[in-house]
Amino acid sequence: MNNKQELPWDNPRFRNWVAVARACHSVERALAGALAPLDLKPAQLDVLMNLYRHPGMSQHDLARKLLVGRSNITMLLPQLENRDLLRRESDGKDKRVLRLSLTPSGEALLMDALKVYMGLLDKVMEQSTPAECDLLGEQMRRVAEALKVE
């Protein structure tokens, strides 16, 4: 870098974004540790939450919703299926499509995991007033929308 170029860490936008990224990473690490007694990883929890909210979604739709490649989903699903947490069934109209749904065991584990997750999120978000929490959420939704790639 030449001496005339502004360094990124002198820029408040850079410093604040690094703080957001560090906070996100800290929450992910804490969540991974909190979910370990349930033998569940954050990525697996994402799958369970999405299938609970959208039963019958396809593997393709799940990958898009989670912002991951289909290969990531292809690797995750057998682990959850082998634990009897979800099932994959052929679509009646298109045999190439597999529909996903939670089993009763999957739903029960999800409810336990959500208690853990909500406890962690309550601890994190109580650092903010309700208005600050809403403002933060709105800002992060705008960031996600600005970077949306389809």
N, C-alpha and C. Protein backbone atom coordinates (compact mmCIF):
# COMPACT_ATOMS: atom_id res chain seq x y z
N MET A 1 0.84 -1.19 0.00
CA MET A 1 0.00 0.00 0.00
C MET A 1 0.87 1.25 0.00
N ASN A 2 0.45 2.22 -0.76
CA ASN A 2 1.21 3.46 -0.70
C ASN A 2 0.75 4.29 0.49
N ASN A 3 1.54 5.25 0.88
CA ASN A 3 1.25 6.04 2.08
C ASN A 3 0.03 6.92 1.95
N LYS A 4 -0.39 7.21 0.72
CA LYS A 4 -1.53 8.09 0.51
C LYS A 4 -2.86 7.35 0.55
N GLN A 5 -2.80 6.03 0.45
CA GLN A 5 -4.03 5.24 0.43
C GLN A 5 -4.58 5.09 1.85
N GLU A 6 -5.88 5.30 2.00
CA GLU A 6 -6.51 5.16 3.32
C GLU A 6 -6.54 3.69 3.71
N LEU A 7 -6.13 3.41 4.91
CA LEU A 7 -6.15 2.04 5.41
C LEU A 7 -7.57 1.67 5.83
N PRO A 8 -7.99 0.44 5.59
CA PRO A 8 -9.39 0.10 5.86
C PRO A 8 -9.77 0.20 7.33
N TRP A 9 -8.87 -0.10 8.23
CA TRP A 9 -9.22 -0.07 9.65
C TRP A 9 -9.38 1.34 10.20
N ASP A 10 -9.04 2.33 9.41
CA ASP A 10 -9.32 3.71 9.78
C ASP A 10 -10.74 4.14 9.39
N ASN A 11 -11.39 3.32 8.62
CA ASN A 11 -12.73 3.61 8.13
C ASN A 11 -13.76 3.05 9.11
N PRO A 12 -14.66 3.89 9.65
CA PRO A 12 -15.67 3.39 10.60
C PRO A 12 -16.53 2.26 10.02
N ARG A 13 -16.84 2.32 8.73
CA ARG A 13 -17.64 1.25 8.12
C ARG A 13 -16.92 -0.09 8.22
N PHE A 14 -15.63 -0.06 7.95
CA PHE A 14 -14.83 -1.28 8.04
C PHE A 14 -14.81 -1.80 9.48
N ARG A 15 -14.47 -0.91 10.42
CA ARG A 15 -14.39 -1.32 11.84
C ARG A 15 -15.72 -1.87 12.33
N ASN A 16 -16.81 -1.20 11.97
CA ASN A 16 -18.13 -1.66 12.43
C ASN A 16 -18.51 -2.98 11.78
N TRP A 17 -18.17 -3.14 10.51
CA TRP A 17 -18.50 -4.41 9.87
C TRP A 17 -17.70 -5.55 10.48
N VAL A 18 -16.44 -5.30 10.80
CA VAL A 18 -15.63 -6.32 11.47
C VAL A 18 -16.26 -6.69 12.81
N ALA A 19 -16.79 -5.70 13.53
CA ALA A 19 -17.46 -5.99 14.80
C ALA A 19 -18.69 -6.87 14.59
N VAL A 20 -19.45 -6.61 13.53
CA VAL A 20 -20.62 -7.45 13.21
C VAL A 20 -20.16 -8.87 12.89
N ALA A 21 -19.13 -8.98 12.07
CA ALA A 21 -18.63 -10.31 11.69
C ALA A 21 -18.12 -11.08 12.90
N ARG A 22 -17.42 -10.39 13.79
CA ARG A 22 -16.91 -11.07 15.00
C ARG A 22 -18.05 -11.51 15.91
N ALA A 23 -19.06 -10.66 16.04
CA ALA A 23 -20.21 -11.02 16.86
C ALA A 23 -20.91 -12.24 16.27
N CYS A 24 -21.08 -12.24 14.96
CA CYS A 24 -21.73 -13.38 14.30
C CYS A 24 -20.92 -14.65 14.52
N HIS A 25 -19.62 -14.55 14.36
CA HIS A 25 -18.75 -15.71 14.57
C HIS A 25 -18.83 -16.20 16.03
N SER A 26 -18.86 -15.27 16.96
CA SER A 26 -18.96 -15.64 18.38
C SER A 26 -20.27 -16.36 18.67
N VAL A 27 -21.36 -15.88 18.09
CA VAL A 27 -22.66 -16.54 18.29
C VAL A 27 -22.62 -17.93 17.68
N GLU A 28 -22.05 -18.07 16.49
CA GLU A 28 -21.96 -19.39 15.85
C GLU A 28 -21.17 -20.37 16.70
N ARG A 29 -20.05 -19.91 17.26
CA ARG A 29 -19.23 -20.78 18.11
C ARG A 29 -19.98 -21.16 19.39
N ALA A 30 -20.65 -20.18 19.99
CA ALA A 30 -21.41 -20.46 21.22
C ALA A 30 -22.55 -21.41 20.92
N LEU A 31 -23.21 -21.22 19.79
CA LEU A 31 -24.31 -22.10 19.42
C LEU A 31 -23.81 -23.53 19.18
N ALA A 32 -22.69 -23.66 18.50
CA ALA A 32 -22.12 -25.00 18.27
C ALA A 32 -21.86 -25.70 19.60
N GLY A 33 -21.29 -24.98 20.54
CA GLY A 33 -21.04 -25.58 21.86
C GLY A 33 -22.31 -25.92 22.61
N ALA A 34 -23.29 -25.06 22.52
CA ALA A 34 -24.56 -25.29 23.23
C ALA A 34 -25.35 -26.44 22.62
N LEU A 35 -25.19 -26.66 21.32
CA LEU A 35 -25.93 -27.74 20.65
C LEU A 35 -25.23 -29.10 20.77
N ALA A 36 -23.94 -29.08 21.12
CA ALA A 36 -23.17 -30.32 21.18
C ALA A 36 -23.81 -31.40 22.05
N PRO A 37 -24.35 -31.07 23.24
CA PRO A 37 -24.99 -32.12 24.04
C PRO A 37 -26.19 -32.79 23.33
N LEU A 38 -26.77 -32.10 22.36
CA LEU A 38 -27.88 -32.67 21.59
C LEU A 38 -27.37 -33.42 20.36
N ASP A 39 -26.03 -33.48 20.20
CA ASP A 39 -25.41 -34.09 19.03
C ASP A 39 -25.95 -33.46 17.74
N LEU A 40 -25.96 -32.12 17.75
CA LEU A 40 -26.50 -31.36 16.62
C LEU A 40 -25.55 -30.21 16.30
N LYS A 41 -25.35 -29.97 15.03
CA LYS A 41 -24.52 -28.86 14.57
C LYS A 41 -25.42 -27.74 14.07
N PRO A 42 -24.93 -26.49 14.07
CA PRO A 42 -25.76 -25.38 13.60
C PRO A 42 -26.33 -25.59 12.19
N ALA A 43 -25.55 -26.14 11.28
CA ALA A 43 -26.06 -26.38 9.92
C ALA A 43 -27.21 -27.38 9.93
N GLN A 44 -27.11 -28.39 10.78
CA GLN A 44 -28.20 -29.37 10.90
C GLN A 44 -29.44 -28.72 11.50
N LEU A 45 -29.24 -27.83 12.48
CA LEU A 45 -30.35 -27.11 13.06
C LEU A 45 -31.05 -26.26 12.00
N ASP A 46 -30.28 -25.61 11.14
CA ASP A 46 -30.87 -24.83 10.05
C ASP A 46 -31.78 -25.70 9.19
N VAL A 47 -31.33 -26.90 8.88
CA VAL A 47 -32.15 -27.81 8.07
C VAL A 47 -33.44 -28.14 8.81
N LEU A 48 -33.33 -28.53 10.07
CA LEU A 48 -34.52 -28.91 10.85
C LEU A 48 -35.51 -27.74 10.96
N MET A 49 -34.98 -26.54 11.22
CA MET A 49 -35.87 -25.38 11.35
C MET A 49 -36.60 -25.11 10.04
N ASN A 50 -35.90 -25.19 8.94
CA ASN A 50 -36.54 -24.91 7.65
C ASN A 50 -37.56 -25.97 7.27
N LEU A 51 -37.28 -27.22 7.60
CA LEU A 51 -38.26 -28.27 7.28
C LEU A 51 -39.48 -28.20 8.18
N TYR A 52 -39.29 -27.72 9.39
CA TYR A 52 -40.44 -27.52 10.27
C TYR A 52 -41.33 -26.41 9.72
N ARG A 53 -40.71 -25.33 9.29
CA ARG A 53 -41.47 -24.19 8.78
C ARG A 53 -42.03 -24.42 7.38
N HIS A 54 -41.35 -25.27 6.59
CA HIS A 54 -41.76 -25.50 5.21
C HIS A 54 -41.75 -27.00 4.91
N PRO A 55 -42.63 -27.76 5.54
CA PRO A 55 -42.62 -29.21 5.31
C PRO A 55 -42.88 -29.52 3.84
N GLY A 56 -42.17 -30.52 3.35
CA GLY A 56 -42.36 -30.95 1.97
C GLY A 56 -41.51 -30.18 0.98
N MET A 57 -40.63 -29.31 1.44
CA MET A 57 -39.80 -28.57 0.49
C MET A 57 -38.80 -29.53 -0.17
N SER A 58 -38.36 -29.17 -1.35
CA SER A 58 -37.40 -29.99 -2.08
C SER A 58 -35.99 -29.72 -1.59
N GLN A 59 -35.08 -30.64 -1.91
CA GLN A 59 -33.68 -30.46 -1.57
C GLN A 59 -33.15 -29.19 -2.23
N HIS A 60 -33.53 -28.96 -3.46
CA HIS A 60 -33.10 -27.78 -4.20
C HIS A 60 -33.56 -26.50 -3.50
N ASP A 61 -34.83 -26.46 -3.10
CA ASP A 61 -35.35 -25.27 -2.41
C ASP A 61 -34.68 -25.07 -1.06
N LEU A 62 -34.39 -26.16 -0.37
CA LEU A 62 -33.71 -26.05 0.92
C LEU A 62 -32.31 -25.46 0.73
N ALA A 63 -31.59 -25.92 -0.26
CA ALA A 63 -30.25 -25.39 -0.53
C ALA A 63 -30.31 -23.90 -0.83
N ARG A 64 -31.28 -23.48 -1.63
CA ARG A 64 -31.42 -22.06 -1.95
C ARG A 64 -31.76 -21.25 -0.70
N LYS A 65 -32.64 -21.78 0.14
CA LYS A 65 -33.05 -21.06 1.35
C LYS A 65 -31.88 -20.90 2.31
N LEU A 66 -31.02 -21.91 2.38
CA LEU A 66 -29.88 -21.88 3.30
C LEU A 66 -28.64 -21.22 2.68
N LEU A 67 -28.76 -20.81 1.42
CA LEU A 67 -27.67 -20.15 0.71
C LEU A 67 -26.43 -21.04 0.61
N VAL A 68 -26.65 -22.32 0.36
CA VAL A 68 -25.55 -23.27 0.19
C VAL A 68 -25.76 -24.04 -1.11
N GLY A 69 -24.73 -24.71 -1.54
CA GLY A 69 -24.83 -25.54 -2.74
C GLY A 69 -25.61 -26.81 -2.47
N ARG A 70 -26.13 -27.37 -3.53
CA ARG A 70 -26.87 -28.63 -3.36
C ARG A 70 -25.99 -29.74 -2.82
N SER A 71 -24.69 -29.68 -3.11
CA SER A 71 -23.78 -30.72 -2.60
C SER A 71 -23.71 -30.66 -1.07
N ASN A 72 -23.77 -29.45 -0.50
CA ASN A 72 -23.78 -29.34 0.97
C ASN A 72 -25.01 -30.04 1.56
N ILE A 73 -26.16 -29.81 0.94
CA ILE A 73 -27.40 -30.44 1.40
C ILE A 73 -27.33 -31.94 1.23
N THR A 74 -26.78 -32.37 0.09
CA THR A 74 -26.66 -33.80 -0.19
C THR A 74 -25.83 -34.50 0.87
N MET A 75 -24.83 -33.79 1.43
CA MET A 75 -24.01 -34.39 2.48
C MET A 75 -24.71 -34.36 3.84
N LEU A 76 -25.50 -33.33 4.10
CA LEU A 76 -26.16 -33.19 5.41
C LEU A 76 -27.33 -34.16 5.58
N LEU A 77 -28.11 -34.31 4.53
CA LEU A 77 -29.37 -35.05 4.66
C LEU A 77 -29.21 -36.51 5.09
N PRO A 78 -28.25 -37.27 4.55
CA PRO A 78 -28.12 -38.65 5.01
C PRO A 78 -27.81 -38.76 6.50
N GLN A 79 -27.02 -37.82 7.03
CA GLN A 79 -26.73 -37.84 8.46
C GLN A 79 -28.02 -37.72 9.28
N LEU A 80 -28.87 -36.80 8.87
CA LEU A 80 -30.12 -36.58 9.60
C LEU A 80 -31.12 -37.71 9.34
N GLU A 81 -31.11 -38.23 8.15
CA GLU A 81 -32.01 -39.34 7.82
C GLU A 81 -31.61 -40.60 8.58
N ASN A 82 -30.31 -40.86 8.70
CA ASN A 82 -29.84 -42.04 9.44
C ASN A 82 -30.18 -41.96 10.92
N ARG A 83 -30.34 -40.75 11.42
CA ARG A 83 -30.73 -40.56 12.83
C ARG A 83 -32.25 -40.52 12.98
N ASP A 84 -32.97 -40.78 11.91
CA ASP A 84 -34.44 -40.78 11.89
C ASP A 84 -35.00 -39.40 12.28
N LEU A 85 -34.33 -38.34 11.78
CA LEU A 85 -34.79 -36.99 12.07
C LEU A 85 -35.57 -36.39 10.90
N LEU A 86 -35.34 -36.93 9.72
CA LEU A 86 -36.09 -36.47 8.55
C LEU A 86 -36.28 -37.64 7.60
N ARG A 87 -37.19 -37.43 6.66
CA ARG A 87 -37.39 -38.43 5.61
C ARG A 87 -37.45 -37.72 4.27
N ARG A 88 -36.99 -38.44 3.26
CA ARG A 88 -37.04 -37.95 1.89
C ARG A 88 -38.01 -38.85 1.13
N GLU A 89 -38.94 -38.20 0.45
CA GLU A 89 -39.94 -38.96 -0.31
C GLU A 89 -40.04 -38.39 -1.71
N SER A 90 -40.29 -39.27 -2.66
CA SER A 90 -40.45 -38.83 -4.04
C SER A 90 -41.68 -37.95 -4.18
N ASP A 91 -41.54 -36.95 -5.04
CA ASP A 91 -42.66 -36.07 -5.37
C ASP A 91 -43.60 -36.85 -6.28
N GLY A 92 -44.90 -36.78 -6.01
CA GLY A 92 -45.88 -37.51 -6.82
C GLY A 92 -45.94 -37.05 -8.26
N LYS A 93 -45.60 -35.79 -8.51
CA LYS A 93 -45.70 -35.24 -9.87
C LYS A 93 -44.40 -35.32 -10.64
N ASP A 94 -43.28 -35.29 -9.93
CA ASP A 94 -41.97 -35.29 -10.59
C ASP A 94 -41.04 -36.22 -9.81
N LYS A 95 -40.78 -37.37 -10.35
CA LYS A 95 -39.98 -38.39 -9.65
C LYS A 95 -38.52 -37.97 -9.42
N ARG A 96 -38.07 -36.93 -10.13
CA ARG A 96 -36.70 -36.44 -9.93
C ARG A 96 -36.58 -35.62 -8.65
N VAL A 97 -37.70 -35.16 -8.13
CA VAL A 97 -37.70 -34.28 -6.96
C VAL A 97 -37.94 -35.09 -5.69
N LEU A 98 -37.14 -34.83 -4.68
CA LEU A 98 -37.34 -35.45 -3.37
C LEU A 98 -37.89 -34.39 -2.42
N ARG A 99 -38.98 -34.72 -1.74
CA ARG A 99 -39.60 -33.84 -0.76
C ARG A 99 -39.11 -34.23 0.62
N LEU A 100 -38.86 -33.23 1.44
CA LEU A 100 -38.28 -33.45 2.77
C LEU A 100 -39.27 -33.09 3.86
N SER A 101 -39.27 -33.89 4.90
CA SER A 101 -40.12 -33.59 6.06
C SER A 101 -39.47 -34.15 7.31
N LEU A 102 -39.82 -33.56 8.44
CA LEU A 102 -39.31 -34.02 9.72
C LEU A 102 -40.08 -35.26 10.18
N THR A 103 -39.38 -36.12 10.87
CA THR A 103 -40.03 -37.23 11.55
C THR A 103 -40.45 -36.72 12.94
N PRO A 104 -41.25 -37.48 13.66
CA PRO A 104 -41.55 -37.07 15.04
C PRO A 104 -40.28 -36.89 15.90
N SER A 105 -39.29 -37.75 15.69
CA SER A 105 -38.01 -37.60 16.42
C SER A 105 -37.31 -36.31 16.04
N GLY A 106 -37.37 -35.96 14.76
CA GLY A 106 -36.75 -34.73 14.29
C GLY A 106 -37.43 -33.51 14.88
N GLU A 107 -38.74 -33.57 14.95
CA GLU A 107 -39.48 -32.44 15.52
C GLU A 107 -39.19 -32.30 17.01
N ALA A 108 -39.10 -33.42 17.72
CA ALA A 108 -38.80 -33.37 19.16
C ALA A 108 -37.40 -32.79 19.41
N LEU A 109 -36.42 -33.24 18.61
CA LEU A 109 -35.07 -32.71 18.77
C LEU A 109 -35.04 -31.22 18.43
N LEU A 110 -35.76 -30.83 17.41
CA LEU A 110 -35.82 -29.41 17.05
C LEU A 110 -36.35 -28.58 18.21
N MET A 111 -37.40 -29.03 18.85
CA MET A 111 -37.97 -28.26 19.97
C MET A 111 -36.96 -28.11 21.10
N ASP A 112 -36.19 -29.16 21.38
CA ASP A 112 -35.14 -29.06 22.40
C ASP A 112 -34.06 -28.08 21.96
N ALA A 113 -33.67 -28.16 20.69
CA ALA A 113 -32.61 -27.29 20.16
C ALA A 113 -33.08 -25.83 20.14
N LEU A 114 -34.34 -25.60 19.86
CA LEU A 114 -34.85 -24.22 19.83
C LEU A 114 -34.81 -23.59 21.21
N LYS A 115 -35.02 -24.37 22.26
CA LYS A 115 -34.89 -23.84 23.61
C LYS A 115 -33.46 -23.36 23.86
N VAL A 116 -32.51 -24.17 23.43
CA VAL A 116 -31.09 -23.81 23.57
C VAL A 116 -30.79 -22.56 22.76
N TYR A 117 -31.23 -22.55 21.51
CA TYR A 117 -30.97 -21.43 20.60
C TYR A 117 -31.59 -20.14 21.12
N MET A 118 -32.84 -20.21 21.56
CA MET A 118 -33.52 -19.02 22.06
C MET A 118 -32.87 -18.51 23.34
N GLY A 119 -32.39 -19.40 24.18
CA GLY A 119 -31.68 -18.97 25.38
C GLY A 119 -30.42 -18.19 25.03
N LEU A 120 -29.69 -18.68 24.04
CA LEU A 120 -28.49 -17.98 23.59
C LEU A 120 -28.85 -16.63 22.96
N LEU A 121 -29.85 -16.63 22.10
CA LEU A 121 -30.24 -15.38 21.45
C LEU A 121 -30.77 -14.35 22.45
N ASP A 122 -31.50 -14.81 23.44
CA ASP A 122 -31.96 -13.88 24.48
C ASP A 122 -30.78 -13.24 25.19
N LYS A 123 -29.78 -14.05 25.52
CA LYS A 123 -28.59 -13.53 26.20
C LYS A 123 -27.88 -12.50 25.31
N VAL A 124 -27.76 -12.80 24.03
CA VAL A 124 -27.08 -11.89 23.10
C VAL A 124 -27.88 -10.62 22.89
N MET A 125 -29.16 -10.77 22.64
CA MET A 125 -29.97 -9.61 22.27
C MET A 125 -30.38 -8.75 23.46
N GLU A 126 -30.21 -9.26 24.68
CA GLU A 126 -30.53 -8.40 25.83
C GLU A 126 -29.47 -7.32 26.02
N GLN A 127 -28.43 -7.36 25.19
CA GLN A 127 -27.43 -6.29 25.19
C GLN A 127 -27.99 -5.04 24.54
N SER A 128 -29.15 -5.17 23.87
CA SER A 128 -29.78 -4.06 23.14
C SER A 128 -31.17 -3.80 23.69
N THR A 129 -31.60 -2.57 23.54
CA THR A 129 -33.00 -2.26 23.84
C THR A 129 -33.86 -2.88 22.74
N PRO A 130 -35.17 -3.04 22.97
CA PRO A 130 -36.03 -3.55 21.89
C PRO A 130 -35.93 -2.72 20.61
N ALA A 131 -35.85 -1.41 20.74
CA ALA A 131 -35.73 -0.54 19.56
C ALA A 131 -34.40 -0.78 18.84
N GLU A 132 -33.31 -0.92 19.60
CA GLU A 132 -32.01 -1.19 18.98
C GLU A 132 -32.01 -2.56 18.31
N CYS A 133 -32.65 -3.53 18.94
CA CYS A 133 -32.76 -4.87 18.37
C CYS A 133 -33.50 -4.81 17.03
N ASP A 134 -34.61 -4.09 16.99
CA ASP A 134 -35.37 -3.95 15.74
C ASP A 134 -34.55 -3.24 14.68
N LEU A 135 -33.83 -2.20 15.07
CA LEU A 135 -32.99 -1.46 14.14
C LEU A 135 -31.88 -2.34 13.57
N LEU A 136 -31.26 -3.12 14.42
CA LEU A 136 -30.21 -4.04 13.99
C LEU A 136 -30.76 -5.05 12.99
N GLY A 137 -31.90 -5.62 13.31
CA GLY A 137 -32.51 -6.59 12.40
C GLY A 137 -32.83 -5.98 11.06
N GLU A 138 -33.39 -4.79 11.06
CA GLU A 138 -33.73 -4.11 9.81
C GLU A 138 -32.47 -3.82 9.00
N GLN A 139 -31.42 -3.37 9.65
CA GLN A 139 -30.17 -3.10 8.95
C GLN A 139 -29.60 -4.37 8.33
N MET A 140 -29.60 -5.46 9.06
CA MET A 140 -29.05 -6.71 8.53
C MET A 140 -29.90 -7.24 7.37
N ARG A 141 -31.22 -7.04 7.43
CA ARG A 141 -32.07 -7.44 6.30
C ARG A 141 -31.74 -6.61 5.06
N ARG A 142 -31.46 -5.33 5.25
CA ARG A 142 -31.08 -4.48 4.11
C ARG A 142 -29.73 -4.91 3.54
N VAL A 143 -28.79 -5.27 4.41
CA VAL A 143 -27.49 -5.76 3.93
C VAL A 143 -27.69 -7.02 3.10
N ALA A 144 -28.46 -7.96 3.64
CA ALA A 144 -28.71 -9.21 2.90
C ALA A 144 -29.38 -8.94 1.55
N GLU A 145 -30.32 -8.03 1.54
CA GLU A 145 -31.02 -7.70 0.29
C GLU A 145 -30.07 -7.03 -0.70
N ALA A 146 -29.19 -6.17 -0.23
CA ALA A 146 -28.25 -5.48 -1.11
C ALA A 146 -27.28 -6.46 -1.77
N LEU A 147 -26.98 -7.54 -1.08
CA LEU A 147 -26.02 -8.53 -1.59
C LEU A 147 -26.69 -9.74 -2.23
N LYS A 148 -27.99 -9.70 -2.33
CA LYS A 148 -28.74 -10.86 -2.85
C LYS A 148 -28.32 -11.14 -4.29
N VAL A 149 -27.96 -12.38 -4.50
CA VAL A 149 -27.57 -12.83 -5.84
C VAL A 149 -28.48 -13.98 -6.22
N GLU A 150 -29.12 -13.83 -7.33
CA GLU A 150 -30.02 -14.91 -7.81
C GLU A 150 -29.59 -15.39 -9.15
